[in-house]
């Protein structure tokens, strides 16, 4: 699985979308409602440790990290805040190499924290964004050439925004 896809999916375990499309109301929700749901999500991505049961503390850690990462994407908190509880260090990797490692005590949490840290180091983190539509906020990987994408889907959120601003301008002109 591509590193940024994992982060995108993790950030989207909460769905804040609350818009209407083609007459159907999209009501978001929380995907990680229990430690069992978290375990299923991790198992689907080969991040679950065999024989290790997850508890409420694991669920709370996942939600807290996800919330802080989403807030950092919105600019509400400093991105470094997300890592306060997850110290990173350099560890030997391959002959003569180094890698960033997290020591949270949980393999799946280490993978997520390390993936975010590595994406920051590579400069990819700036390509993970939350949709600019206030009734969406879906996390997406901006693959535009300029890296200035604002919408998770130009045909949905971008079009609604442009139509709304067009109508507002048209009303003001009349």
Protein backbone atom coordinates (compact mmCIF):
# COMPACT_ATOMS: atom_id res chain seq x y z
CA UNK A 1 0.00 0.00 0.00
CA UNK A 2 1.31 3.41 -0.89
CA UNK A 3 2.34 5.39 2.17
CA UNK A 4 0.14 8.39 1.42
CA UNK A 5 -2.85 6.12 0.74
CA UNK A 6 -2.53 4.68 4.23
CA UNK A 7 -2.50 8.16 5.76
CA UNK A 8 -5.39 9.30 3.60
CA UNK A 9 -7.46 6.27 4.64
CA UNK A 10 -6.54 6.78 8.31
CA UNK A 11 -7.61 10.43 8.19
CA UNK A 12 -10.89 9.43 6.51
CA UNK A 13 -11.91 7.00 9.24
CA UNK A 14 -14.00 9.95 10.34
CA UNK A 15 -16.39 11.27 7.70
CA UNK A 16 -17.36 14.90 8.31
CA UNK A 17 -19.24 15.27 5.03
CA UNK A 18 -22.75 16.69 5.41
CA UNK A 19 -23.85 17.79 1.96
CA UNK A 20 -26.64 16.86 -0.39
CA UNK A 21 -25.94 15.50 -3.89
CA UNK A 22 -28.59 14.59 -6.43
CA UNK A 23 -31.23 14.79 -3.71
CA UNK A 24 -29.46 12.38 -1.39
CA UNK A 25 -28.16 13.68 1.90
CA UNK A 26 -24.71 12.41 2.75
CA UNK A 27 -24.43 11.97 6.49
CA UNK A 28 -20.91 11.26 7.67
CA UNK A 29 -19.90 9.23 10.65
CA UNK A 30 -17.17 7.67 12.72
CA UNK A 31 -15.69 4.44 11.41
CA UNK A 32 -13.66 3.70 14.55
CA UNK A 33 -16.49 3.31 17.04
CA UNK A 34 -14.92 0.49 19.04
CA UNK A 35 -11.64 -1.29 19.55
CA UNK A 36 -13.07 -4.10 17.39
CA UNK A 37 -13.67 -1.67 14.52
CA UNK A 38 -10.09 -0.42 14.90
CA UNK A 39 -8.83 -4.02 14.84
CA UNK A 40 -10.81 -4.71 11.65
CA UNK A 41 -9.49 -1.54 10.01
CA UNK A 42 -5.91 -2.51 10.90
CA UNK A 43 -6.39 -6.10 9.74
CA UNK A 44 -7.68 -4.89 6.36
CA UNK A 45 -4.37 -3.06 5.93
CA UNK A 46 -2.11 -5.80 7.33
CA UNK A 47 -1.23 -3.67 10.34
CA UNK A 48 -2.76 -5.86 13.04
CA UNK A 49 -0.45 -7.80 15.31
CA UNK A 50 -1.57 -11.46 15.45
CA UNK A 51 -2.82 -12.42 18.88
CA UNK A 52 -2.81 -8.87 20.24
CA UNK A 53 -6.20 -7.58 21.36
CA UNK A 54 -6.81 -3.90 21.16
CA UNK A 55 -8.40 -2.00 24.01
CA UNK A 56 -9.99 1.37 24.66
CA UNK A 57 -6.54 2.97 25.11
CA UNK A 58 -5.61 1.90 21.55
CA UNK A 59 -8.83 3.34 20.20
CA UNK A 60 -8.29 6.59 22.11
CA UNK A 61 -4.71 6.83 20.76
CA UNK A 62 -5.85 6.30 17.18
CA UNK A 63 -8.60 8.91 17.42
CA UNK A 64 -6.35 11.42 19.18
CA UNK A 65 -3.61 11.05 16.55
CA UNK A 66 -6.10 11.28 13.70
CA UNK A 67 -7.74 14.37 15.22
CA UNK A 68 -4.41 16.13 15.70
CA UNK A 69 -3.27 15.30 12.16
CA UNK A 70 -6.54 16.62 10.71
CA UNK A 71 -6.23 19.79 12.80
CA UNK A 72 -2.68 20.28 11.57
CA UNK A 73 -3.87 20.01 7.96
CA UNK A 74 -6.42 22.74 8.67
CA UNK A 75 -3.73 24.88 10.31
CA UNK A 76 -5.50 24.77 13.69
CA UNK A 77 -2.46 23.29 15.44
CA UNK A 78 1.23 23.09 14.66
CA UNK A 79 2.03 19.86 12.82
CA UNK A 80 4.73 19.05 15.38
CA UNK A 81 1.97 18.83 18.02
CA UNK A 82 0.85 15.55 16.48
CA UNK A 83 4.14 13.96 17.49
CA UNK A 84 4.44 15.21 21.07
CA UNK A 85 3.31 11.85 22.44
CA UNK A 86 5.25 9.86 19.83
CA UNK A 87 8.96 10.62 20.04
CA UNK A 88 10.90 9.77 16.91
CA UNK A 89 14.47 8.58 16.71
CA UNK A 90 16.95 7.41 14.14
CA UNK A 91 17.73 3.71 14.00
CA UNK A 92 20.13 1.67 11.86
CA UNK A 93 18.62 0.45 8.63
CA UNK A 94 20.43 -1.55 5.97
CA UNK A 95 24.19 -1.36 5.98
CA UNK A 96 25.22 2.24 6.55
CA UNK A 97 21.64 3.58 6.48
CA UNK A 98 19.30 5.17 8.96
CA UNK A 99 15.54 5.28 9.28
CA UNK A 100 13.08 7.17 11.43
CA UNK A 101 11.37 5.03 14.05
CA UNK A 102 8.62 5.62 16.57
CA UNK A 103 8.50 3.87 19.91
CA UNK A 104 4.83 3.97 20.89
CA UNK A 105 4.75 0.36 22.03
CA UNK A 106 2.28 -0.54 19.30
CA UNK A 107 3.41 -1.71 15.87
CA UNK A 108 0.39 -0.32 14.00
CA UNK A 109 0.69 3.07 15.67
CA UNK A 110 4.43 3.13 14.95
CA UNK A 111 3.72 2.44 11.26
CA UNK A 112 1.27 5.35 11.03
CA UNK A 113 3.53 7.78 12.91
CA UNK A 114 6.61 6.71 10.91
CA UNK A 115 4.69 7.01 7.64
CA UNK A 116 3.63 10.56 8.46
CA UNK A 117 7.15 11.47 9.60
CA UNK A 118 8.70 10.05 6.42
CA UNK A 119 6.16 11.88 4.24
CA UNK A 120 7.14 15.10 6.00
CA UNK A 121 10.83 14.37 5.34
CA UNK A 122 10.16 13.63 1.65
CA UNK A 123 7.97 16.72 1.28
CA UNK A 124 4.89 14.62 0.48
CA UNK A 125 2.95 15.73 3.57
CA UNK A 126 2.07 19.00 1.85
CA UNK A 127 0.19 16.92 -0.75
CA UNK A 128 -2.21 15.52 1.86
CA UNK A 129 -5.07 17.98 2.24
CA UNK A 130 -8.57 18.30 3.58
CA UNK A 131 -11.18 19.39 1.07
CA UNK A 132 -11.76 23.14 1.21
CA UNK A 133 -15.54 22.65 1.24
CA UNK A 134 -16.66 23.24 4.85
CA UNK A 135 -19.39 20.61 4.46
CA UNK A 136 -16.91 18.00 3.24
CA UNK A 137 -13.38 18.04 4.75
CA UNK A 138 -12.53 14.69 3.14
CA UNK A 139 -8.79 13.97 3.19
CA UNK A 140 -7.24 13.53 -0.23
CA UNK A 141 -3.87 13.22 -1.90
CA UNK A 142 -3.38 16.25 -4.13
CA UNK A 143 -1.87 14.93 -7.34
CA UNK A 144 -2.18 18.17 -9.29
CA UNK A 145 0.99 19.35 -10.98
CA UNK A 146 1.15 22.58 -8.98
CA UNK A 147 0.16 20.98 -5.67
CA UNK A 148 -2.50 23.64 -5.18
CA UNK A 149 -5.60 21.42 -5.35
CA UNK A 150 -8.38 22.45 -2.99
CA UNK A 151 -11.17 19.95 -3.58
CA UNK A 152 -11.37 16.21 -2.95
CA UNK A 153 -13.37 15.98 -6.16
CA UNK A 154 -13.58 18.90 -8.58
CA UNK A 155 -16.79 17.49 -10.07
CA UNK A 156 -18.55 17.52 -6.71
CA UNK A 157 -17.08 19.91 -4.15
CA UNK A 158 -15.33 22.21 -6.61
CA UNK A 159 -18.40 22.45 -8.82
CA UNK A 160 -20.70 23.18 -5.85
CA UNK A 161 -18.35 25.95 -4.69
CA UNK A 162 -18.05 27.52 -8.13
CA UNK A 163 -21.81 27.32 -8.71
CA UNK A 164 -22.48 28.87 -5.31
CA UNK A 165 -20.08 31.78 -5.89
CA UNK A 166 -21.49 32.31 -9.41
CA UNK A 167 -25.03 32.54 -8.00
CA UNK A 168 -23.91 34.93 -5.27
CA UNK A 169 -22.23 37.21 -7.82
CA UNK A 170 -25.26 37.03 -10.08
CA UNK A 171 -27.61 37.96 -7.21
CA UNK A 172 -25.44 40.90 -6.19
CA UNK A 173 -25.41 42.19 -9.76
CA UNK A 174 -29.24 42.24 -9.97
